[in-house]
Amino acid sequence: MSNFRDFDRLFRLDDKVALVTGGSRGLGLHAATAFLRAGAAKVIITARKTGGPEGINQAVEKLNNITGIKGHAIGIPANVSSEAEIVRLVKAVEKEAGKLDILVANAGATWGSKFEDAPDHATSKILDVNVRGVFLLAQKFAPMLQASGTRRDPSRIIIVSSTAGKNVPHVGENGTIMYSVSKAAAHHLGRNLAIELGPSNITTNIVAPGFFPSKLASGLIEKLGGTSELEDANPRKRLGEPEDIAGVMVYLCSPAGSYINGVDIAVDGGMVLGAGRHSKL
């Protein structure tokens, strides 16, 4: 028989403090929900908007109404493409929680258009949010993460990227060239951070989702033939579901994932392995 240490807590996040950027909706909200359900003491979500149907306030209310959780959610508005805003966010997290164990860099920006129509302001926004902002988050929060991490139980950075960083998914009429480039950069940034911060008891991994039905993705899904067509093209014959994100996030951030570092995990049913493009030229 093998002797496992604390096997019953292998997928638990008890007493952990997590920060999820872009946590008010979609994949970020799935991650925040999973962390609370897994026992996290505090989950801090951030986004630019506080009010409205996609703002922080409504998400915090939903999270704190989850039945049976011991922890609670906190909302802090911030623009994570701005260095000054990230520095302010670090101070706010220190004040609210006193520590940080998990950083999920989930906030992202995209743009879809013909190659010749793509404006420079869109490129700047994409790179600022998806690459530069992720680097700044890791840099500014590294001292807090290092203070919480140990050799056996490191702190975690999770970069939410995309399978668009691993292939060439959309060109032509619905091209997302700079988005794809930014996600490829995010993958390599994660690998660099894994080596840079690993000795400081901080692991860094990349989660690369495929299509998950959401308000953000609905327009592109329709342009590519709709949900049914995309499901039929997928080896698993379905699109992503909230549980798919919850599972990989809890795994990577719990004791079960403490020795995983510098890995990118595609959460797409195997679609990224296909030979063809998603695009309709």
C-alpha atoms as a PDB file:
ATOM      1  CA  MET A   1       0.000   0.000   0.000  1.00  0.00           C
ATOM      2  CA  SER A   2       1.230   3.514  -0.778  1.00  0.00           C
ATOM      3  CA  ASN A   3       1.293   6.050   2.033  1.00  0.00           C
ATOM      4  CA  PHE A   4      -0.184   9.377   0.932  1.00  0.00           C
ATOM      5  CA  ARG A   5       0.096  12.491   3.067  1.00  0.00           C
ATOM      6  CA  ASP A   6      -3.296  14.139   3.698  1.00  0.00           C
ATOM      7  CA  PHE A   7      -4.982  12.342   0.811  1.00  0.00           C
ATOM      8  CA  ASP A   8      -8.400  13.597   1.918  1.00  0.00           C
ATOM      9  CA  ARG A   9      -7.198  17.166   1.354  1.00  0.00           C
ATOM     10  CA  LEU A  10      -5.515  16.507  -1.979  1.00  0.00           C
ATOM     11  CA  PHE A  11      -8.051  18.648  -3.870  1.00  0.00           C
ATOM     12  CA  ARG A  12      -8.842  21.153  -1.117  1.00  0.00           C
ATOM     13  CA  LEU A  13      -8.007  24.853  -0.857  1.00  0.00           C
ATOM     14  CA  ASP A  14      -8.769  25.385   2.811  1.00  0.00           C
ATOM     15  CA  ASP A  15      -7.513  28.694   4.254  1.00  0.00           C
ATOM     16  CA  LYS A  16      -6.235  29.879   0.875  1.00  0.00           C
ATOM     17  CA  VAL A  17      -6.664  33.405  -0.472  1.00  0.00           C
ATOM     18  CA  ALA A  18      -7.131  33.714  -4.237  1.00  0.00           C
ATOM     19  CA  LEU A  19      -7.311  36.647  -6.635  1.00  0.00           C
ATOM     20  CA  VAL A  20      -9.094  36.200  -9.968  1.00  0.00           C
ATOM     21  CA  THR A  21      -8.866  38.985 -12.530  1.00  0.00           C
ATOM     22  CA  GLY A  22     -11.832  39.261 -14.857  1.00  0.00           C
ATOM     23  CA  GLY A  23     -13.708  37.343 -12.167  1.00  0.00           C
ATOM     24  CA  SER A  24     -17.147  38.881 -12.542  1.00  0.00           C
ATOM     25  CA  ARG A  25     -18.332  36.617 -15.378  1.00  0.00           C
ATOM     26  CA  GLY A  26     -17.476  33.675 -17.604  1.00  0.00           C
ATOM     27  CA  LEU A  27     -14.389  31.573 -16.931  1.00  0.00           C
ATOM     28  CA  GLY A  28     -13.219  33.855 -14.139  1.00  0.00           C
ATOM     29  CA  LEU A  29     -16.490  33.455 -12.281  1.00  0.00           C
ATOM     30  CA  HIS A  30     -16.320  29.667 -12.784  1.00  0.00           C
ATOM     31  CA  ALA A  31     -12.841  29.679 -11.201  1.00  0.00           C
ATOM     32  CA  ALA A  32     -13.912  31.877  -8.290  1.00  0.00           C
ATOM     33  CA  THR A  33     -16.917  29.641  -7.616  1.00  0.00           C
ATOM     34  CA  ALA A  34     -14.745  26.512  -7.687  1.00  0.00           C
ATOM     35  CA  PHE A  35     -12.234  27.988  -5.242  1.00  0.00           C
ATOM     36  CA  LEU A  36     -14.940  28.803  -2.702  1.00  0.00           C
ATOM     37  CA  ARG A  37     -16.517  25.378  -3.117  1.00  0.00           C
ATOM     38  CA  ALA A  38     -13.068  23.825  -2.509  1.00  0.00           C
ATOM     39  CA  GLY A  39     -12.709  25.636   0.804  1.00  0.00           C
ATOM     40  CA  ALA A  40     -10.853  28.867   0.029  1.00  0.00           C
ATOM     41  CA  ALA A  41     -11.074  31.397   2.859  1.00  0.00           C
ATOM     42  CA  LYS A  42     -11.245  34.440   0.587  1.00  0.00           C
ATOM     43  CA  VAL A  43     -11.660  34.858  -3.137  1.00  0.00           C
ATOM     44  CA  ILE A  44     -11.034  38.356  -4.436  1.00  0.00           C
ATOM     45  CA  ILE A  45     -12.401  39.148  -7.870  1.00  0.00           C
ATOM     46  CA  THR A  46     -11.526  42.163  -9.928  1.00  0.00           C
ATOM     47  CA  ALA A  47     -12.841  43.766 -13.095  1.00  0.00           C
ATOM     48  CA  ARG A  48     -13.201  47.299 -14.416  1.00  0.00           C
ATOM     49  CA  LYS A  49     -16.945  47.612 -13.773  1.00  0.00           C
ATOM     50  CA  THR A  50     -18.615  47.463 -10.376  1.00  0.00           C
ATOM     51  CA  GLY A  51     -22.301  47.803 -11.285  1.00  0.00           C
ATOM     52  CA  GLY A  52     -24.547  46.261 -13.919  1.00  0.00           C
ATOM     53  CA  PRO A  53     -25.270  42.691 -14.969  1.00  0.00           C
ATOM     54  CA  GLU A  54     -21.570  41.940 -15.640  1.00  0.00           C
ATOM     55  CA  GLY A  55     -20.055  44.017 -12.832  1.00  0.00           C
ATOM     56  CA  ILE A  56     -18.254  42.965  -9.683  1.00  0.00           C
ATOM     57  CA  ASN A  57     -21.124  43.640  -7.295  1.00  0.00           C
ATOM     58  CA  GLN A  58     -23.545  41.130  -8.786  1.00  0.00           C
ATOM     59  CA  ALA A  59     -20.817  38.466  -8.953  1.00  0.00           C
ATOM     60  CA  VAL A  60     -19.802  38.955  -5.314  1.00  0.00           C
ATOM     61  CA  GLU A  61     -23.431  38.660  -4.255  1.00  0.00           C
ATOM     62  CA  LYS A  62     -23.822  35.399  -6.177  1.00  0.00           C
ATOM     63  CA  LEU A  63     -20.591  33.972  -4.796  1.00  0.00           C
ATOM     64  CA  ASN A  64     -21.457  34.807  -1.204  1.00  0.00           C
ATOM     65  CA  ASN A  65     -24.848  33.147  -1.592  1.00  0.00           C
ATOM     66  CA  ILE A  66     -23.334  29.735  -2.450  1.00  0.00           C
ATOM     67  CA  THR A  67     -24.731  27.208  -0.015  1.00  0.00           C
ATOM     68  CA  GLY A  68     -22.309  25.550   2.393  1.00  0.00           C
ATOM     69  CA  ILE A  69     -19.178  27.611   1.801  1.00  0.00           C
ATOM     70  CA  LYS A  70     -17.017  28.768   4.719  1.00  0.00           C
ATOM     71  CA  GLY A  71     -15.133  31.483   2.878  1.00  0.00           C
ATOM     72  CA  HIS A  72     -16.357  34.629   1.221  1.00  0.00           C
ATOM     73  CA  ALA A  73     -15.860  36.735  -1.894  1.00  0.00           C
ATOM     74  CA  ILE A  74     -14.581  40.300  -2.088  1.00  0.00           C
ATOM     75  CA  GLY A  75     -14.743  42.627  -5.092  1.00  0.00           C
ATOM     76  CA  ILE A  76     -12.064  45.202  -5.929  1.00  0.00           C
ATOM     77  CA  PRO A  77     -12.391  47.190  -9.183  1.00  0.00           C
ATOM     78  CA  ALA A  78      -9.197  47.574 -11.203  1.00  0.00           C
ATOM     79  CA  ASN A  79      -7.920  47.918 -14.763  1.00  0.00           C
ATOM     80  CA  VAL A  80      -5.215  45.256 -14.976  1.00  0.00           C
ATOM     81  CA  SER A  81      -3.628  46.752 -18.090  1.00  0.00           C
ATOM     82  CA  SER A  82      -2.441  49.715 -15.998  1.00  0.00           C
ATOM     83  CA  GLU A  83       0.676  49.513 -13.810  1.00  0.00           C
ATOM     84  CA  ALA A  84      -0.678  52.145 -11.427  1.00  0.00           C
ATOM     85  CA  GLU A  85      -3.955  50.241 -11.071  1.00  0.00           C
ATOM     86  CA  ILE A  86      -2.125  46.978 -10.405  1.00  0.00           C
ATOM     87  CA  VAL A  87       0.005  48.628  -7.704  1.00  0.00           C
ATOM     88  CA  ARG A  88      -3.208  49.942  -6.129  1.00  0.00           C
ATOM     89  CA  LEU A  89      -4.709  46.454  -6.359  1.00  0.00           C
ATOM     90  CA  VAL A  90      -1.723  44.943  -4.523  1.00  0.00           C
ATOM     91  CA  LYS A  91      -2.210  47.400  -1.663  1.00  0.00           C
ATOM     92  CA  ALA A  92      -5.950  46.694  -1.560  1.00  0.00           C
ATOM     93  CA  VAL A  93      -5.390  42.917  -1.427  1.00  0.00           C
ATOM     94  CA  GLU A  94      -2.839  43.377   1.376  1.00  0.00           C
ATOM     95  CA  LYS A  95      -5.394  45.423   3.320  1.00  0.00           C
ATOM     96  CA  GLU A  96      -8.328  43.058   2.707  1.00  0.00           C
ATOM     97  CA  ALA A  97      -6.591  39.699   3.135  1.00  0.00           C
ATOM     98  CA  GLY A  98      -3.049  40.196   4.414  1.00  0.00           C
ATOM     99  CA  LYS A  99      -1.724  37.483   2.116  1.00  0.00           C
ATOM    100  CA  LEU A 100      -2.150  35.891  -1.310  1.00  0.00           C
ATOM    101  CA  ASP A 101      -1.771  32.207  -2.206  1.00  0.00           C
ATOM    102  CA  ILE A 102      -3.288  32.038  -5.715  1.00  0.00           C
ATOM    103  CA  LEU A 103      -3.212  34.536  -8.587  1.00  0.00           C
ATOM    104  CA  VAL A 104      -5.378  33.773 -11.610  1.00  0.00           C
ATOM    105  CA  ALA A 105      -4.637  36.131 -14.516  1.00  0.00           C
ATOM    106  CA  ASN A 106      -7.877  35.641 -16.405  1.00  0.00           C
ATOM    107  CA  ALA A 107      -8.805  39.104 -17.719  1.00  0.00           C
ATOM    108  CA  GLY A 108      -8.391  39.293 -21.474  1.00  0.00           C
ATOM    109  CA  ALA A 109      -9.078  41.368 -24.575  1.00  0.00           C
ATOM    110  CA  THR A 110      -9.708  40.323 -28.163  1.00  0.00           C
ATOM    111  CA  TRP A 111     -10.491  41.752 -31.602  1.00  0.00           C
ATOM    112  CA  GLY A 112     -11.874  40.143 -34.723  1.00  0.00           C
ATOM    113  CA  SER A 113     -11.644  41.572 -38.230  1.00  0.00           C
ATOM    114  CA  LYS A 114     -10.038  41.173 -41.628  1.00  0.00           C
ATOM    115  CA  PHE A 115      -6.242  41.457 -41.547  1.00  0.00           C
ATOM    116  CA  GLU A 116      -6.281  44.720 -43.510  1.00  0.00           C
ATOM    117  CA  ASP A 117      -8.912  46.275 -41.228  1.00  0.00           C
ATOM    118  CA  ALA A 118      -7.284  45.560 -37.849  1.00  0.00           C
ATOM    119  CA  PRO A 119      -6.604  48.930 -36.128  1.00  0.00           C
ATOM    120  CA  ASP A 120      -3.484  49.663 -34.097  1.00  0.00           C
ATOM    121  CA  HIS A 121      -5.481  50.683 -31.023  1.00  0.00           C
ATOM    122  CA  ALA A 122      -6.925  47.162 -30.866  1.00  0.00           C
ATOM    123  CA  THR A 123      -3.442  45.646 -31.046  1.00  0.00           C
ATOM    124  CA  SER A 124      -2.248  47.887 -28.219  1.00  0.00           C
ATOM    125  CA  LYS A 125      -5.201  46.960 -26.005  1.00  0.00           C
ATOM    126  CA  ILE A 126      -4.783  43.231 -26.667  1.00  0.00           C
ATOM    127  CA  LEU A 127      -1.063  43.241 -25.846  1.00  0.00           C
ATOM    128  CA  ASP A 128      -1.524  45.487 -22.801  1.00  0.00           C
ATOM    129  CA  VAL A 129      -4.153  43.237 -21.213  1.00  0.00           C
ATOM    130  CA  ASN A 130      -3.098  39.765 -22.393  1.00  0.00           C
ATOM    131  CA  VAL A 131       0.692  40.047 -22.079  1.00  0.00           C
ATOM    132  CA  ARG A 132       2.024  43.191 -20.443  1.00  0.00           C
ATOM    133  CA  GLY A 133      -0.691  43.228 -17.787  1.00  0.00           C
ATOM    134  CA  VAL A 134      -0.119  39.564 -16.927  1.00  0.00           C
ATOM    135  CA  PHE A 135       3.614  40.193 -16.505  1.00  0.00           C
ATOM    136  CA  LEU A 136       2.925  43.179 -14.250  1.00  0.00           C
ATOM    137  CA  LEU A 137       0.481  41.199 -12.123  1.00  0.00           C
ATOM    138  CA  ALA A 138       3.075  38.474 -11.582  1.00  0.00           C
ATOM    139  CA  GLN A 139       5.823  41.016 -10.892  1.00  0.00           C
ATOM    140  CA  LYS A 140       3.881  43.154  -8.406  1.00  0.00           C
ATOM    141  CA  PHE A 141       2.230  40.253  -6.551  1.00  0.00           C
ATOM    142  CA  ALA A 142       5.383  38.094  -6.426  1.00  0.00           C
ATOM    143  CA  PRO A 143       6.447  39.300  -2.950  1.00  0.00           C
ATOM    144  CA  MET A 144       3.061  38.393  -1.446  1.00  0.00           C
ATOM    145  CA  LEU A 145       3.016  35.036  -3.217  1.00  0.00           C
ATOM    146  CA  GLN A 146       6.567  34.254  -2.121  1.00  0.00           C
ATOM    147  CA  ALA A 147       5.667  35.057   1.488  1.00  0.00           C
ATOM    148  CA  SER A 148       2.828  32.505   1.384  1.00  0.00           C
ATOM    149  CA  GLY A 149       4.533  29.709  -0.548  1.00  0.00           C
ATOM    150  CA  THR A 150       6.533  26.834   0.903  1.00  0.00           C
ATOM    151  CA  ARG A 151       8.639  24.065  -0.610  1.00  0.00           C
ATOM    152  CA  ARG A 152       5.839  21.553  -0.097  1.00  0.00           C
ATOM    153  CA  ASP A 153       2.920  23.918  -0.759  1.00  0.00           C
ATOM    154  CA  PRO A 154       3.940  26.617  -3.245  1.00  0.00           C
ATOM    155  CA  SER A 155       1.854  29.628  -4.162  1.00  0.00           C
ATOM    156  CA  ARG A 156       0.289  29.453  -7.609  1.00  0.00           C
ATOM    157  CA  ILE A 157       0.011  31.668 -10.671  1.00  0.00           C
ATOM    158  CA  ILE A 158      -2.451  30.508 -13.319  1.00  0.00           C
ATOM    159  CA  ILE A 159      -2.472  32.302 -16.673  1.00  0.00           C
ATOM    160  CA  VAL A 160      -5.746  31.805 -18.510  1.00  0.00           C
ATOM    161  CA  SER A 161      -4.701  31.777 -22.148  1.00  0.00           C
ATOM    162  CA  SER A 162      -6.458  30.124 -25.096  1.00  0.00           C
ATOM    163  CA  THR A 163      -5.952  27.330 -27.574  1.00  0.00           C
ATOM    164  CA  ALA A 164      -5.536  30.242 -30.008  1.00  0.00           C
ATOM    165  CA  GLY A 165      -2.019  30.477 -28.584  1.00  0.00           C
ATOM    166  CA  LYS A 166      -1.260  26.955 -29.825  1.00  0.00           C
ATOM    167  CA  ASN A 167      -2.670  26.999 -33.361  1.00  0.00           C
ATOM    168  CA  VAL A 168      -3.958  29.410 -36.045  1.00  0.00           C
ATOM    169  CA  PRO A 169      -7.689  29.328 -35.413  1.00  0.00           C
ATOM    170  CA  HIS A 170      -9.243  32.342 -37.130  1.00  0.00           C
ATOM    171  CA  VAL A 171      -8.046  34.195 -40.227  1.00  0.00           C
ATOM    172  CA  GLY A 172      -9.835  35.878 -43.115  1.00  0.00           C
ATOM    173  CA  GLU A 173     -13.178  37.550 -42.402  1.00  0.00           C
ATOM    174  CA  ASN A 174     -13.086  36.709 -38.685  1.00  0.00           C
ATOM    175  CA  GLY A 175      -9.338  36.966 -38.168  1.00  0.00           C
ATOM    176  CA  THR A 176      -7.936  37.186 -34.633  1.00  0.00           C
ATOM    177  CA  ILE A 177      -4.255  37.347 -35.514  1.00  0.00           C
ATOM    178  CA  MET A 178      -3.026  39.643 -32.739  1.00  0.00           C
ATOM    179  CA  TYR A 179      -5.199  37.902 -30.151  1.00  0.00           C
ATOM    180  CA  SER A 180      -3.630  34.601 -31.173  1.00  0.00           C
ATOM    181  CA  VAL A 181      -0.147  36.137 -31.034  1.00  0.00           C
ATOM    182  CA  SER A 182      -0.837  37.561 -27.566  1.00  0.00           C
ATOM    183  CA  LYS A 183      -1.934  34.160 -26.288  1.00  0.00           C
ATOM    184  CA  ALA A 184       1.175  32.503 -27.706  1.00  0.00           C
ATOM    185  CA  ALA A 185       3.172  35.128 -25.816  1.00  0.00           C
ATOM    186  CA  ALA A 186       1.159  34.397 -22.656  1.00  0.00           C
ATOM    187  CA  HIS A 187       2.086  30.706 -22.967  1.00  0.00           C
ATOM    188  CA  HIS A 188       5.794  31.517 -23.183  1.00  0.00           C
ATOM    189  CA  LEU A 189       5.502  34.103 -20.427  1.00  0.00           C
ATOM    190  CA  GLY A 190       4.108  31.350 -18.207  1.00  0.00           C
ATOM    191  CA  ARG A 191       7.045  29.089 -19.000  1.00  0.00           C
ATOM    192  CA  ASN A 192       9.515  31.870 -18.209  1.00  0.00           C
ATOM    193  CA  LEU A 193       7.758  32.660 -14.925  1.00  0.00           C
ATOM    194  CA  ALA A 194       7.828  28.972 -13.988  1.00  0.00           C
ATOM    195  CA  ILE A 195      11.629  28.977 -14.122  1.00  0.00           C
ATOM    196  CA  GLU A 196      12.047  32.471 -12.700  1.00  0.00           C
ATOM    197  CA  LEU A 197       9.699  32.077  -9.724  1.00  0.00           C
ATOM    198  CA  GLY A 198       9.886  28.335  -9.042  1.00  0.00           C
ATOM    199  CA  PRO A 199      12.843  28.712  -6.649  1.00  0.00           C
ATOM    200  CA  SER A 200      10.755  31.257  -4.707  1.00  0.00           C
ATOM    201  CA  ASN A 201       8.068  28.598  -4.075  1.00  0.00           C
ATOM    202  CA  ILE A 202       5.716  29.964  -6.739  1.00  0.00           C
ATOM    203  CA  THR A 203       4.534  27.718  -9.573  1.00  0.00           C
ATOM    204  CA  THR A 204       3.150  29.083 -12.832  1.00  0.00           C
ATOM    205  CA  ASN A 205       0.914  27.156 -15.221  1.00  0.00           C
ATOM    206  CA  ILE A 206      -1.223  28.004 -18.219  1.00  0.00           C
ATOM    207  CA  VAL A 207      -4.825  26.978 -18.801  1.00  0.00           C
ATOM    208  CA  ALA A 208      -5.815  27.192 -22.479  1.00  0.00           C
ATOM    209  CA  PRO A 209      -9.579  26.902 -22.975  1.00  0.00           C
ATOM    210  CA  GLY A 210     -11.279  26.232 -26.280  1.00  0.00           C
ATOM    211  CA  PHE A 211     -14.851  27.324 -26.909  1.00  0.00           C
ATOM    212  CA  PHE A 212     -17.030  27.812 -23.838  1.00  0.00           C
ATOM    213  CA  PRO A 213     -20.494  29.257 -24.474  1.00  0.00           C
ATOM    214  CA  SER A 214     -20.538  32.791 -23.084  1.00  0.00           C
ATOM    215  CA  LYS A 215     -21.603  36.295 -24.013  1.00  0.00           C
ATOM    216  CA  LEU A 216     -18.024  37.054 -25.062  1.00  0.00           C
ATOM    217  CA  ALA A 217     -17.783  34.034 -27.375  1.00  0.00           C
ATOM    218  CA  SER A 218     -21.351  33.963 -28.701  1.00  0.00           C
ATOM    219  CA  GLY A 219     -20.722  36.282 -31.647  1.00  0.00           C
ATOM    220  CA  LEU A 220     -17.773  34.277 -32.969  1.00  0.00           C
ATOM    221  CA  ILE A 221     -19.585  30.990 -32.342  1.00  0.00           C
ATOM    222  CA  GLU A 222     -22.417  32.161 -34.565  1.00  0.00           C
ATOM    223  CA  LYS A 223     -20.045  33.354 -37.295  1.00  0.00           C
ATOM    224  CA  LEU A 224     -18.385  29.933 -37.310  1.00  0.00           C
ATOM    225  CA  GLY A 225     -21.624  28.041 -37.851  1.00  0.00           C
ATOM    226  CA  GLY A 226     -23.217  27.969 -34.419  1.00  0.00           C
ATOM    227  CA  THR A 227     -22.982  25.694 -31.410  1.00  0.00           C
ATOM    228  CA  SER A 228     -24.146  22.534 -33.204  1.00  0.00           C
ATOM    229  CA  GLU A 229     -21.515  22.799 -35.935  1.00  0.00           C
ATOM    230  CA  LEU A 230     -18.703  23.442 -33.464  1.00  0.00           C
ATOM    231  CA  GLU A 231     -19.851  20.568 -31.255  1.00  0.00           C
ATOM    232  CA  ASP A 232     -19.917  18.212 -34.233  1.00  0.00           C
ATOM    233  CA  ALA A 233     -16.338  19.200 -35.164  1.00  0.00           C
ATOM    234  CA  ASN A 234     -15.063  18.559 -31.632  1.00  0.00           C
ATOM    235  CA  PRO A 235     -13.681  15.097 -30.753  1.00  0.00           C
ATOM    236  CA  ARG A 236     -15.806  15.143 -27.577  1.00  0.00           C
ATOM    237  CA  LYS A 237     -18.876  16.352 -29.490  1.00  0.00           C
ATOM    238  CA  ARG A 238     -19.556  19.204 -27.091  1.00  0.00           C
ATOM    239  CA  LEU A 239     -18.278  22.615 -26.035  1.00  0.00           C
ATOM    240  CA  GLY A 240     -16.782  23.512 -22.672  1.00  0.00           C
ATOM    241  CA  GLU A 241     -18.826  23.519 -19.474  1.00  0.00           C
ATOM    242  CA  PRO A 242     -18.243  25.293 -16.125  1.00  0.00           C
ATOM    243  CA  GLU A 243     -17.163  22.045 -14.458  1.00  0.00           C
ATOM    244  CA  ASP A 244     -14.318  21.681 -16.968  1.00  0.00           C
ATOM    245  CA  ILE A 245     -12.739  24.930 -15.793  1.00  0.00           C
ATOM    246  CA  ALA A 246     -13.531  24.225 -12.139  1.00  0.00           C
ATOM    247  CA  GLY A 247     -11.740  20.874 -12.290  1.00  0.00           C
ATOM    248  CA  VAL A 248      -8.504  22.073 -13.843  1.00  0.00           C
ATOM    249  CA  MET A 249      -8.325  25.161 -11.628  1.00  0.00           C
ATOM    250  CA  VAL A 250      -8.803  23.256  -8.380  1.00  0.00           C
ATOM    251  CA  TYR A 251      -6.300  20.602  -9.506  1.00  0.00           C
ATOM    252  CA  LEU A 252      -3.558  23.102 -10.332  1.00  0.00           C
ATOM    253  CA  CYS A 253      -4.083  25.180  -7.182  1.00  0.00           C
ATOM    254  CA  SER A 254      -4.550  22.338  -4.678  1.00  0.00           C
ATOM    255  CA  PRO A 255      -1.935  19.996  -3.142  1.00  0.00           C
ATOM    256  CA  ALA A 256      -2.592  17.639  -6.084  1.00  0.00           C
ATOM    257  CA  GLY A 257      -0.864  20.136  -8.398  1.00  0.00           C
ATOM    258  CA  SER A 258       2.012  21.271  -6.203  1.00  0.00           C
ATOM    259  CA  TYR A 259       4.674  19.681  -8.453  1.00  0.00           C
ATOM    260  CA  ILE A 260       3.185  20.932 -11.735  1.00  0.00           C
ATOM    261  CA  ASN A 261       5.132  23.915 -13.057  1.00  0.00           C
ATOM    262  CA  GLY A 262       5.423  25.521 -16.491  1.00  0.00           C
ATOM    263  CA  VAL A 263       2.737  23.329 -18.060  1.00  0.00           C
ATOM    264  CA  ASP A 264      -0.007  24.455 -20.430  1.00  0.00           C
ATOM    265  CA  ILE A 265      -3.219  22.463 -20.367  1.00  0.00           C
ATOM    266  CA  ALA A 266      -5.661  22.707 -23.263  1.00  0.00           C
ATOM    267  CA  VAL A 267      -9.255  22.460 -22.021  1.00  0.00           C
ATOM    268  CA  ASP A 268     -10.971  21.965 -25.351  1.00  0.00           C
ATOM    269  CA  GLY A 269     -11.918  18.297 -25.795  1.00  0.00           C
ATOM    270  CA  GLY A 270      -8.935  17.740 -28.088  1.00  0.00           C
ATOM    271  CA  MET A 271     -10.034  20.236 -30.738  1.00  0.00           C
ATOM    272  CA  VAL A 272      -6.601  21.881 -30.856  1.00  0.00           C
ATOM    273  CA  LEU A 273      -5.146  18.629 -32.215  1.00  0.00           C
ATOM    274  CA  GLY A 274      -7.293  18.748 -35.340  1.00  0.00           C
ATOM    275  CA  ALA A 275      -5.690  19.507 -38.674  1.00  0.00           C
ATOM    276  CA  GLY A 276      -8.188  22.048 -40.013  1.00  0.00           C
ATOM    277  CA  ARG A 277      -8.916  25.682 -39.160  1.00  0.00           C
ATOM    278  CA  HIS A 278     -12.004  26.909 -37.345  1.00  0.00           C
ATOM    279  CA  SER A 279     -12.222  29.833 -39.722  1.00  0.00           C
ATOM    280  CA  LYS A 280     -14.539  30.278 -42.643  1.00  0.00           C
ATOM    281  CA  LEU A 281     -12.473  32.211 -45.143  1.00  0.00           C
END
